[in-house]
Amino acid sequence: IYHPKYPYYAAVELGEGIDRLVCMSKFPILSYERLN
């Protein structure tokens, strides 16, 4: 659904089945990581 507008998508889990953080962008995402 998001891809036509936001071709770059990254997500990290905060815990098993707990939650997720998502970043969507019109700009290239070079890398991403969870900050522990």
Full PDB file with SEQRES, HELIX, SHEET, SSBOND, CRYST1, ORIGX, SCALE, CONECT and MASTER records, all heavy atoms in Angstrom:
SEQRES   1 A   36  ILE TYR HIS PRO LYS TYR PRO TYR TYR ALA ALA VAL GLU          
SEQRES   2 A   36  LEU GLY GLU GLY ILE ASP ARG LEU VAL CYS MET SER LYS          
SEQRES   3 A   36  PHE PRO ILE LEU SER TYR GLU ARG LEU ASN                      
SHEET    1 AA1 2 TYR A   8  GLY A  15  0                                        
SHEET    2 AA1 2 ASP A  19  SER A  25 -1                                        
CRYST1    1.000    1.000    1.000  90.00  90.00  90.00 P 1           1          
ORIGX1      1.000000  0.000000  0.000000        0.00000                         
ORIGX2      0.000000  1.000000  0.000000        0.00000                         
ORIGX3      0.000000  0.000000  1.000000        0.00000                         
SCALE1      1.000000  0.000000  0.000000        0.00000                         
SCALE2      0.000000  1.000000  0.000000        0.00000                         
SCALE3      0.000000  0.000000  1.000000        0.00000                         
ATOM      1  N   ILE A   1       0.834  -1.205   0.000  1.00  0.00           N  
ATOM      2  CA  ILE A   1       0.000   0.000   0.000  1.00  0.00           C  
ATOM      3  C   ILE A   1       0.875   1.264   0.000  1.00  0.00           C  
ATOM      4  O   ILE A   1       0.626   2.213  -0.743  1.00  0.00           O  
ATOM      5  CB  ILE A   1      -0.943   0.012   1.223  1.00  0.00           C  
ATOM      6  CG1 ILE A   1      -2.004  -1.076   1.081  1.00  0.00           C  
ATOM      7  CG2 ILE A   1      -1.597   1.380   1.399  1.00  0.00           C  
ATOM      8  CD1 ILE A   1      -2.794  -1.331   2.355  1.00  0.00           C  
ATOM      9  N   TYR A   2       1.917   1.270   0.817  1.00  0.00           N  
ATOM     10  CA  TYR A   2       2.761   2.453   0.967  1.00  0.00           C  
ATOM     11  C   TYR A   2       3.783   2.632  -0.167  1.00  0.00           C  
ATOM     12  O   TYR A   2       4.238   3.739  -0.415  1.00  0.00           O  
ATOM     13  CB  TYR A   2       3.530   2.412   2.287  1.00  0.00           C  
ATOM     14  CG  TYR A   2       2.703   2.689   3.514  1.00  0.00           C  
ATOM     15  CD1 TYR A   2       2.747   1.849   4.615  1.00  0.00           C  
ATOM     16  CD2 TYR A   2       1.892   3.813   3.598  1.00  0.00           C  
ATOM     17  CE1 TYR A   2       2.010   2.111   5.763  1.00  0.00           C  
ATOM     18  CE2 TYR A   2       1.153   4.091   4.732  1.00  0.00           C  
ATOM     19  CZ  TYR A   2       1.216   3.230   5.813  1.00  0.00           C  
ATOM     20  OH  TYR A   2       0.489   3.509   6.935  1.00  0.00           O  
ATOM     21  N   HIS A   3       4.162   1.539  -0.832  1.00  0.00           N  
ATOM     22  CA  HIS A   3       5.286   1.569  -1.770  1.00  0.00           C  
ATOM     23  C   HIS A   3       5.210   2.651  -2.853  1.00  0.00           C  
ATOM     24  O   HIS A   3       6.223   3.303  -3.115  1.00  0.00           O  
ATOM     25  CB  HIS A   3       5.506   0.204  -2.409  1.00  0.00           C  
ATOM     26  CG  HIS A   3       6.705   0.176  -3.294  1.00  0.00           C  
ATOM     27  ND1 HIS A   3       7.986   0.135  -2.784  1.00  0.00           N  
ATOM     28  CD2 HIS A   3       6.831   0.227  -4.632  1.00  0.00           C  
ATOM     29  CE1 HIS A   3       8.840   0.149  -3.786  1.00  0.00           C  
ATOM     30  NE2 HIS A   3       8.171   0.200  -4.915  1.00  0.00           N  
ATOM     31  N   PRO A   4       4.069   2.891  -3.500  1.00  0.00           N  
ATOM     32  CA  PRO A   4       4.069   3.932  -4.533  1.00  0.00           C  
ATOM     33  C   PRO A   4       4.498   5.305  -4.006  1.00  0.00           C  
ATOM     34  O   PRO A   4       5.155   6.065  -4.707  1.00  0.00           O  
ATOM     35  CB  PRO A   4       2.616   3.961  -5.021  1.00  0.00           C  
ATOM     36  CG  PRO A   4       2.085   2.607  -4.698  1.00  0.00           C  
ATOM     37  CD  PRO A   4       2.774   2.205  -3.424  1.00  0.00           C  
ATOM     38  N   LYS A   5       4.127   5.621  -2.772  1.00  0.00           N  
ATOM     39  CA  LYS A   5       4.463   6.932  -2.210  1.00  0.00           C  
ATOM     40  C   LYS A   5       5.759   6.888  -1.401  1.00  0.00           C  
ATOM     41  O   LYS A   5       6.511   7.857  -1.373  1.00  0.00           O  
ATOM     42  CB  LYS A   5       3.322   7.427  -1.325  1.00  0.00           C  
ATOM     43  CG  LYS A   5       3.452   8.881  -0.969  1.00  0.00           C  
ATOM     44  CD  LYS A   5       2.125   9.424  -0.511  1.00  0.00           C  
ATOM     45  CE  LYS A   5       2.148  10.924  -0.568  1.00  0.00           C  
ATOM     46  NZ  LYS A   5       0.852  11.497  -0.321  1.00  0.00           N  
ATOM     47  N   TYR A   6       5.997   5.781  -0.727  1.00  0.00           N  
ATOM     48  CA  TYR A   6       7.177   5.607   0.126  1.00  0.00           C  
ATOM     49  C   TYR A   6       7.913   4.335  -0.289  1.00  0.00           C  
ATOM     50  O   TYR A   6       7.704   3.270   0.299  1.00  0.00           O  
ATOM     51  CB  TYR A   6       6.768   5.549   1.609  1.00  0.00           C  
ATOM     52  CG  TYR A   6       6.061   6.796   2.050  1.00  0.00           C  
ATOM     53  CD1 TYR A   6       4.687   6.822   2.260  1.00  0.00           C  
ATOM     54  CD2 TYR A   6       6.774   7.979   2.223  1.00  0.00           C  
ATOM     55  CE1 TYR A   6       4.040   7.982   2.645  1.00  0.00           C  
ATOM     56  CE2 TYR A   6       6.125   9.149   2.604  1.00  0.00           C  
ATOM     57  CZ  TYR A   6       4.771   9.137   2.810  1.00  0.00           C  
ATOM     58  OH  TYR A   6       4.132  10.287   3.177  1.00  0.00           O  
ATOM     59  N   PRO A   7       8.779   4.448  -1.289  1.00  0.00           N  
ATOM     60  CA  PRO A   7       9.454   3.247  -1.783  1.00  0.00           C  
ATOM     61  C   PRO A   7      10.501   2.678  -0.827  1.00  0.00           C  
ATOM     62  O   PRO A   7      10.939   1.546  -0.999  1.00  0.00           O  
ATOM     63  CB  PRO A   7      10.101   3.719  -3.085  1.00  0.00           C  
ATOM     64  CG  PRO A   7      10.227   5.196  -2.951  1.00  0.00           C  
ATOM     65  CD  PRO A   7       9.094   5.636  -2.074  1.00  0.00           C  
ATOM     66  N   TYR A   8      10.881   3.444   0.184  1.00  0.00           N  
ATOM     67  CA  TYR A   8      11.892   2.983   1.130  1.00  0.00           C  
ATOM     68  C   TYR A   8      11.234   2.743   2.487  1.00  0.00           C  
ATOM     69  O   TYR A   8      10.547   3.622   3.022  1.00  0.00           O  
ATOM     70  CB  TYR A   8      13.034   3.996   1.232  1.00  0.00           C  
ATOM     71  CG  TYR A   8      13.645   4.252  -0.122  1.00  0.00           C  
ATOM     72  CD1 TYR A   8      13.268   5.375  -0.866  1.00  0.00           C  
ATOM     73  CD2 TYR A   8      14.526   3.349  -0.684  1.00  0.00           C  
ATOM     74  CE1 TYR A   8      13.795   5.595  -2.125  1.00  0.00           C  
ATOM     75  CE2 TYR A   8      15.056   3.556  -1.946  1.00  0.00           C  
ATOM     76  CZ  TYR A   8      14.682   4.683  -2.663  1.00  0.00           C  
ATOM     77  OH  TYR A   8      15.189   4.888  -3.918  1.00  0.00           O  
ATOM     78  N   TYR A   9      11.427   1.557   3.036  1.00  0.00           N  
ATOM     79  CA  TYR A   9      10.706   1.100   4.221  1.00  0.00           C  
ATOM     80  C   TYR A   9      11.671   0.334   5.118  1.00  0.00           C  
ATOM     81  O   TYR A   9      12.402  -0.539   4.646  1.00  0.00           O  
ATOM     82  CB  TYR A   9       9.576   0.180   3.764  1.00  0.00           C  
ATOM     83  CG  TYR A   9       8.655  -0.334   4.835  1.00  0.00           C  
ATOM     84  CD1 TYR A   9       7.419   0.258   5.037  1.00  0.00           C  
ATOM     85  CD2 TYR A   9       8.987  -1.431   5.616  1.00  0.00           C  
ATOM     86  CE1 TYR A   9       6.550  -0.220   6.010  1.00  0.00           C  
ATOM     87  CE2 TYR A   9       8.127  -1.910   6.590  1.00  0.00           C  
ATOM     88  CZ  TYR A   9       6.915  -1.297   6.775  1.00  0.00           C  
ATOM     89  OH  TYR A   9       6.057  -1.776   7.730  1.00  0.00           O  
ATOM     90  N   ALA A  10      11.687   0.661   6.401  1.00  0.00           N  
ATOM     91  CA  ALA A  10      12.511  -0.058   7.376  1.00  0.00           C  
ATOM     92  C   ALA A  10      11.702  -0.234   8.650  1.00  0.00           C  
ATOM     93  O   ALA A  10      10.936   0.650   9.032  1.00  0.00           O  
ATOM     94  CB  ALA A  10      13.792   0.711   7.665  1.00  0.00           C  
ATOM     95  N   ALA A  11      11.868  -1.373   9.298  1.00  0.00           N  
ATOM     96  CA  ALA A  11      11.153  -1.642  10.545  1.00  0.00           C  
ATOM     97  C   ALA A  11      12.038  -2.446  11.484  1.00  0.00           C  
ATOM     98  O   ALA A  11      12.832  -3.269  11.039  1.00  0.00           O  
ATOM     99  CB  ALA A  11       9.863  -2.408  10.259  1.00  0.00           C  
ATOM    100  N   VAL A  12      11.903  -2.178  12.768  1.00  0.00           N  
ATOM    101  CA  VAL A  12      12.600  -2.955  13.795  1.00  0.00           C  
ATOM    102  C   VAL A  12      11.598  -3.368  14.866  1.00  0.00           C  
ATOM    103  O   VAL A  12      10.651  -2.647  15.162  1.00  0.00           O  
ATOM    104  CB  VAL A  12      13.778  -2.181  14.437  1.00  0.00           C  
ATOM    105  CG1 VAL A  12      14.838  -1.844  13.402  1.00  0.00           C  
ATOM    106  CG2 VAL A  12      13.318  -0.947  15.165  1.00  0.00           C  
ATOM    107  N   GLU A  13      11.846  -4.541  15.420  1.00  0.00           N  
ATOM    108  CA  GLU A  13      11.019  -5.057  16.501  1.00  0.00           C  
ATOM    109  C   GLU A  13      11.559  -4.529  17.830  1.00  0.00           C  
ATOM    110  O   GLU A  13      12.776  -4.468  18.031  1.00  0.00           O  
ATOM    111  CB  GLU A  13      11.067  -6.587  16.517  1.00  0.00           C  
ATOM    112  CG  GLU A  13      10.565  -7.232  15.247  1.00  0.00           C  
ATOM    113  CD  GLU A  13       9.084  -7.053  15.026  1.00  0.00           C  
ATOM    114  OE1 GLU A  13       8.321  -7.076  16.013  1.00  0.00           O  
ATOM    115  OE2 GLU A  13       8.693  -6.888  13.860  1.00  0.00           O  
ATOM    116  N   LEU A  14      10.656  -4.185  18.734  1.00  0.00           N  
ATOM    117  CA  LEU A  14      11.067  -3.769  20.072  1.00  0.00           C  
ATOM    118  C   LEU A  14      11.054  -4.932  21.043  1.00  0.00           C  
ATOM    119  O   LEU A  14      11.552  -4.837  22.134  1.00  0.00           O  
ATOM    120  CB  LEU A  14      10.186  -2.635  20.592  1.00  0.00           C  
ATOM    121  CG  LEU A  14      10.285  -1.327  19.832  1.00  0.00           C  
ATOM    122  CD1 LEU A  14       9.438  -0.267  20.496  1.00  0.00           C  
ATOM    123  CD2 LEU A  14      11.724  -0.866  19.712  1.00  0.00           C  
ATOM    124  N   GLY A  15      10.466  -6.007  20.653  1.00  0.00           N  
ATOM    125  CA  GLY A  15      10.406  -7.215  21.468  1.00  0.00           C  
ATOM    126  C   GLY A  15       9.480  -8.194  20.784  1.00  0.00           C  
ATOM    127  O   GLY A  15       8.639  -7.805  19.969  1.00  0.00           O  
ATOM    128  N   GLU A  16       9.633  -9.445  21.091  1.00  0.00           N  
ATOM    129  CA  GLU A  16       8.835 -10.465  20.416  1.00  0.00           C  
ATOM    130  C   GLU A  16       7.346 -10.242  20.658  1.00  0.00           C  
ATOM    131  O   GLU A  16       6.861 -10.360  21.778  1.00  0.00           O  
ATOM    132  CB  GLU A  16       9.241 -11.854  20.909  1.00  0.00           C  
ATOM    133  CG  GLU A  16       8.620 -12.957  20.084  1.00  0.00           C  
ATOM    134  CD  GLU A  16       9.138 -14.320  20.505  1.00  0.00           C  
ATOM    135  OE1 GLU A  16      10.315 -14.428  20.876  1.00  0.00           O  
ATOM    136  OE2 GLU A  16       8.330 -15.261  20.459  1.00  0.00           O  
ATOM    137  N   GLY A  17       6.647  -9.883  19.600  1.00  0.00           N  
ATOM    138  CA  GLY A  17       5.216  -9.649  19.673  1.00  0.00           C  
ATOM    139  C   GLY A  17       4.806  -8.392  20.414  1.00  0.00           C  
ATOM    140  O   GLY A  17       3.628  -8.161  20.646  1.00  0.00           O  
ATOM    141  N   ILE A  18       5.781  -7.556  20.801  1.00  0.00           N  
ATOM    142  CA  ILE A  18       5.442  -6.373  21.605  1.00  0.00           C  
ATOM    143  C   ILE A  18       5.105  -5.184  20.722  1.00  0.00           C  
ATOM    144  O   ILE A  18       4.017  -4.639  20.769  1.00  0.00           O  
ATOM    145  CB  ILE A  18       6.588  -6.003  22.571  1.00  0.00           C  
ATOM    146  CG1 ILE A  18       6.782  -7.123  23.587  1.00  0.00           C  
ATOM    147  CG2 ILE A  18       6.301  -4.698  23.282  1.00  0.00           C  
ATOM    148  CD1 ILE A  18       7.968  -6.921  24.492  1.00  0.00           C  
ATOM    149  N   ASP A  19       6.057  -4.760  19.917  1.00  0.00           N  
ATOM    150  CA  ASP A  19       5.846  -3.525  19.169  1.00  0.00           C  
ATOM    151  C   ASP A  19       6.831  -3.437  18.022  1.00  0.00           C  
ATOM    152  O   ASP A  19       7.795  -4.187  17.943  1.00  0.00           O  
ATOM    153  CB  ASP A  19       6.008  -2.319  20.090  1.00  0.00           C  
ATOM    154  CG  ASP A  19       5.217  -1.117  19.614  1.00  0.00           C  
ATOM    155  OD1 ASP A  19       4.734  -1.133  18.467  1.00  0.00           O  
ATOM    156  OD2 ASP A  19       5.092  -0.159  20.379  1.00  0.00           O  
ATOM    157  N   ARG A  20       6.596  -2.483  17.142  1.00  0.00           N  
ATOM    158  CA  ARG A  20       7.462  -2.269  15.988  1.00  0.00           C  
ATOM    159  C   ARG A  20       7.576  -0.775  15.723  1.00  0.00           C  
ATOM    160  O   ARG A  20       6.615  -0.034  15.829  1.00  0.00           O  
ATOM    161  CB  ARG A  20       6.850  -2.961  14.774  1.00  0.00           C  
ATOM    162  CG  ARG A  20       7.563  -2.685  13.482  1.00  0.00           C  
ATOM    163  CD  ARG A  20       6.965  -3.463  12.342  1.00  0.00           C  
ATOM    164  NE  ARG A  20       7.357  -4.849  12.532  1.00  0.00           N  
ATOM    165  CZ  ARG A  20       6.668  -5.879  12.088  1.00  0.00           C  
ATOM    166  NH1 ARG A  20       5.560  -5.694  11.428  1.00  0.00           N  
ATOM    167  NH2 ARG A  20       7.075  -7.103  12.302  1.00  0.00           N  
ATOM    168  N   LEU A  21       8.793  -0.349  15.382  1.00  0.00           N  
ATOM    169  CA  LEU A  21       9.034   1.004  14.899  1.00  0.00           C  
ATOM    170  C   LEU A  21       9.212   0.919  13.392  1.00  0.00           C  
ATOM    171  O   LEU A  21       9.868   0.012  12.892  1.00  0.00           O  
ATOM    172  CB  LEU A  21      10.289   1.599  15.525  1.00  0.00           C  
ATOM    173  CG  LEU A  21      10.270   1.803  17.031  1.00  0.00           C  
ATOM    174  CD1 LEU A  21      11.637   2.272  17.505  1.00  0.00           C  
ATOM    175  CD2 LEU A  21       9.211   2.805  17.423  1.00  0.00           C  
ATOM    176  N   VAL A  22       8.655   1.887  12.676  1.00  0.00           N  
ATOM    177  CA  VAL A  22       8.707   1.884  11.215  1.00  0.00           C  
ATOM    178  C   VAL A  22       9.175   3.252  10.733  1.00  0.00           C  
ATOM    179  O   VAL A  22       8.764   4.283  11.278  1.00  0.00           O  
ATOM    180  CB  VAL A  22       7.313   1.574  10.610  1.00  0.00           C  
ATOM    181  CG1 VAL A  22       7.334   1.642   9.097  1.00  0.00           C  
ATOM    182  CG2 VAL A  22       6.812   0.215  11.077  1.00  0.00           C  
ATOM    183  N   CYS A  23      10.002   3.243   9.709  1.00  0.00           N  
ATOM    184  CA  CYS A  23      10.394   4.468   9.014  1.00  0.00           C  
ATOM    185  C   CYS A  23      10.110   4.249   7.532  1.00  0.00           C  
ATOM    186  O   CYS A  23      10.537   3.248   6.949  1.00  0.00           O  
ATOM    187  CB  CYS A  23      11.868   4.764   9.231  1.00  0.00           C  
ATOM    188  SG  CYS A  23      12.440   6.199   8.292  1.00  0.00           S  
ATOM    189  N   MET A  24       9.366   5.162   6.930  1.00  0.00           N  
ATOM    190  CA  MET A  24       9.079   5.118   5.497  1.00  0.00           C  
ATOM    191  C   MET A  24       9.561   6.427   4.905  1.00  0.00           C  
ATOM    192  O   MET A  24       9.407   7.483   5.515  1.00  0.00           O  
ATOM    193  CB  MET A  24       7.592   4.934   5.243  1.00  0.00           C  
ATOM    194  CG  MET A  24       7.050   3.639   5.797  1.00  0.00           C  
ATOM    195  SD  MET A  24       5.309   3.408   5.472  1.00  0.00           S  
ATOM    196  CE  MET A  24       4.597   4.794   6.308  1.00  0.00           C  
ATOM    197  N   SER A  25      10.115   6.348   3.693  1.00  0.00           N  
ATOM    198  CA  SER A  25      10.744   7.542   3.151  1.00  0.00           C  
ATOM    199  C   SER A  25      10.651   7.596   1.636  1.00  0.00           C  
ATOM    200  O   SER A  25      10.628   6.570   0.956  1.00  0.00           O  
ATOM    201  CB  SER A  25      12.220   7.542   3.581  1.00  0.00           C  
ATOM    202  OG  SER A  25      12.917   8.605   2.997  1.00  0.00           O  
ATOM    203  N   LYS A  26      10.625   8.825   1.139  1.00  0.00           N  
ATOM    204  CA  LYS A  26      10.767   9.054  -0.298  1.00  0.00           C  
ATOM    205  C   LYS A  26      12.242   9.065  -0.673  1.00  0.00           C  
ATOM    206  O   LYS A  26      12.580   9.010  -1.847  1.00  0.00           O  
ATOM    207  CB  LYS A  26      10.110  10.381  -0.685  1.00  0.00           C  
ATOM    208  CG  LYS A  26       8.603  10.371  -0.493  1.00  0.00           C  
ATOM    209  CD  LYS A  26       7.999  11.712  -0.857  1.00  0.00           C  
ATOM    210  CE  LYS A  26       6.494  11.700  -0.632  1.00  0.00           C  
ATOM    211  NZ  LYS A  26       5.888  12.994  -0.952  1.00  0.00           N  
ATOM    212  N   PHE A  27      13.117   9.153   0.346  1.00  0.00           N  
ATOM    213  CA  PHE A  27      14.564   9.167   0.147  1.00  0.00           C  
ATOM    214  C   PHE A  27      15.125   7.776   0.451  1.00  0.00           C  
ATOM    215  O   PHE A  27      14.601   7.072   1.317  1.00  0.00           O  
ATOM    216  CB  PHE A  27      15.224  10.191   1.076  1.00  0.00           C  
ATOM    217  CG  PHE A  27      14.676  11.575   0.929  1.00  0.00           C  
ATOM    218  CD1 PHE A  27      13.837  12.107   1.893  1.00  0.00           C  
ATOM    219  CD2 PHE A  27      14.993  12.345  -0.176  1.00  0.00           C  
ATOM    220  CE1 PHE A  27      13.328  13.383   1.773  1.00  0.00           C  
ATOM    221  CE2 PHE A  27      14.488  13.636  -0.306  1.00  0.00           C  
ATOM    222  CZ  PHE A  27      13.650  14.154   0.658  1.00  0.00           C  
ATOM    223  N   PRO A  28      16.208   7.394  -0.204  1.00  0.00           N  
ATOM    224  CA  PRO A  28      16.799   6.080   0.063  1.00  0.00           C  
ATOM    225  C   PRO A  28      17.221   5.919   1.530  1.00  0.00           C  
ATOM    226  O   PRO A  28      17.802   6.830   2.126  1.00  0.00           O  
ATOM    227  CB  PRO A  28      18.027   6.043  -0.853  1.00  0.00           C  
ATOM    228  CG  PRO A  28      17.734   7.024  -1.935  1.00  0.00           C  
ATOM    229  CD  PRO A  28      16.906   8.097  -1.287  1.00  0.00           C  
ATOM    230  N   ILE A  29      16.908   4.776   2.093  1.00  0.00           N  
ATOM    231  CA  ILE A  29      17.378   4.401   3.427  1.00  0.00           C  
ATOM    232  C   ILE A  29      18.644   3.583   3.211  1.00  0.00           C  
ATOM    233  O   ILE A  29      18.598   2.482   2.671  1.00  0.00           O  
ATOM    234  CB  ILE A  29      16.312   3.601   4.204  1.00  0.00           C  
ATOM    235  CG1 ILE A  29      15.061   4.460   4.426  1.00  0.00           C  
ATOM    236  CG2 ILE A  29      16.875   3.112   5.529  1.00  0.00           C  
ATOM    237  CD1 ILE A  29      13.887   3.722   5.060  1.00  0.00           C  
ATOM    238  N   LEU A  30      19.772   4.140   3.616  1.00  0.00           N  
ATOM    239  CA  LEU A  30      21.059   3.486   3.404  1.00  0.00           C  
ATOM    240  C   LEU A  30      21.283   2.337   4.390  1.00  0.00           C  
ATOM    241  O   LEU A  30      21.840   1.303   4.038  1.00  0.00           O  
ATOM    242  CB  LEU A  30      22.199   4.499   3.519  1.00  0.00           C  
ATOM    243  CG  LEU A  30      22.135   5.683   2.551  1.00  0.00           C  
ATOM    244  CD1 LEU A  30      23.234   6.686   2.867  1.00  0.00           C  
ATOM    245  CD2 LEU A  30      22.241   5.197   1.115  1.00  0.00           C  
ATOM    246  N   SER A  31      20.877   2.557   5.632  1.00  0.00           N  
ATOM    247  CA  SER A  31      21.001   1.532   6.666  1.00  0.00           C  
ATOM    248  C   SER A  31      20.074   1.897   7.821  1.00  0.00           C  
ATOM    249  O   SER A  31      19.623   3.037   7.932  1.00  0.00           O  
ATOM    250  CB  SER A  31      22.446   1.414   7.162  1.00  0.00           C  
ATOM    251  OG  SER A  31      22.846   2.608   7.799  1.00  0.00           O  
ATOM    252  N   TYR A  32      19.800   0.912   8.655  1.00  0.00           N  
ATOM    253  CA  TYR A  32      18.984   1.159   9.840  1.00  0.00           C  
ATOM    254  C   TYR A  32      19.306   0.114  10.886  1.00  0.00           C  
ATOM    255  O   TYR A  32      19.803  -0.971  10.574  1.00  0.00           O  
ATOM    256  CB  TYR A  32      17.486   1.187   9.518  1.00  0.00           C  
ATOM    257  CG  TYR A  32      16.932  -0.135   9.046  1.00  0.00           C  
ATOM    258  CD1 TYR A  32      16.331  -1.022   9.933  1.00  0.00           C  
ATOM    259  CD2 TYR A  32      17.017  -0.498   7.716  1.00  0.00           C  
ATOM    260  CE1 TYR A  32      15.818  -2.231   9.500  1.00  0.00           C  
ATOM    261  CE2 TYR A  32      16.502  -1.696   7.273  1.00  0.00           C  
ATOM    262  CZ  TYR A  32      15.909  -2.562   8.167  1.00  0.00           C  
ATOM    263  OH  TYR A  32      15.412  -3.758   7.744  1.00  0.00           O  
ATOM    264  N   GLU A  33      19.037   0.470  12.138  1.00  0.00           N  
ATOM    265  CA  GLU A  33      19.291  -0.459  13.231  1.00  0.00           C  
ATOM    266  C   GLU A  33      18.458  -0.074  14.440  1.00  0.00           C  
ATOM    267  O   GLU A  33      18.064   1.082  14.600  1.00  0.00           O  
ATOM    268  CB  GLU A  33      20.765  -0.453  13.622  1.00  0.00           C  
ATOM    269  CG  GLU A  33      21.232   0.889  14.184  1.00  0.00           C  
ATOM    270  CD  GLU A  33      22.703   0.904  14.527  1.00  0.00           C  
ATOM    271  OE1 GLU A  33      23.149   0.014  15.264  1.00  0.00           O  
ATOM    272  OE2 GLU A  33      23.395   1.823  14.050  1.00  0.00           O  
ATOM    273  N   ARG A  34      18.201  -1.059  15.260  1.00  0.00           N  
ATOM    274  CA  ARG A  34      17.564  -0.805  16.545  1.00  0.00           C  
ATOM    275  C   ARG A  34      18.642  -0.300  17.497  1.00  0.00           C  
ATOM    276  O   ARG A  34      19.765  -0.796  17.508  1.00  0.00           O  
ATOM    277  CB  ARG A  34      16.950  -2.085  17.088  1.00  0.00           C  
ATOM    278  CG  ARG A  34      16.308  -1.875  18.432  1.00  0.00           C  
ATOM    279  CD  ARG A  34      15.722  -3.138  18.988  1.00  0.00           C  
ATOM    280  NE  ARG A  34      15.352  -2.877  20.369  1.00  0.00           N  
ATOM    281  CZ  ARG A  34      14.965  -3.801  21.205  1.00  0.00           C  
ATOM    282  NH1 ARG A  34      14.881  -5.046  20.823  1.00  0.00           N  
ATOM    283  NH2 ARG A  34      14.666  -3.487  22.437  1.00  0.00           N  
ATOM    284  N   LEU A  35      18.311   0.716  18.287  1.00  0.00           N  
ATOM    285  CA  LEU A  35      19.207   1.215  19.319  1.00  0.00           C  
ATOM    286  C   LEU A  35      18.835   0.502  20.616  1.00  0.00           C  
ATOM    287  O   LEU A  35      17.721   0.670  21.126  1.00  0.00           O  
ATOM    288  CB  LEU A  35      19.075   2.733  19.462  1.00  0.00           C  
ATOM    289  CG  LEU A  35      19.365   3.526  18.187  1.00  0.00           C  
ATOM    290  CD1 LEU A  35      19.093   5.000  18.398  1.00  0.00           C  
ATOM    291  CD2 LEU A  35      20.789   3.293  17.721  1.00  0.00           C  
ATOM    292  N   ASN A  36      19.727  -0.305  21.105  1.00  0.00           N  
ATOM    293  CA  ASN A  36      19.418  -1.160  22.253  1.00  0.00           C  
ATOM    294  C   ASN A  36      19.713  -0.461  23.571  1.00  0.00           C  
ATOM    295  O   ASN A  36      20.787   0.089  23.767  1.00  0.00           O  
ATOM    296  CB  ASN A  36      20.233  -2.454  22.176  1.00  0.00           C  
ATOM    297  CG  ASN A  36      19.788  -3.307  21.014  1.00  0.00           C  
ATOM    298  OD1 ASN A  36      18.603  -3.534  20.829  1.00  0.00           O  
ATOM    299  ND2 ASN A  36      20.726  -3.766  20.221  1.00  0.00           N  
TER     300      ASN A  36                                                      
MASTER        0    0    0    0    2    0    0    6  299    1    0    3          
END                                                                             
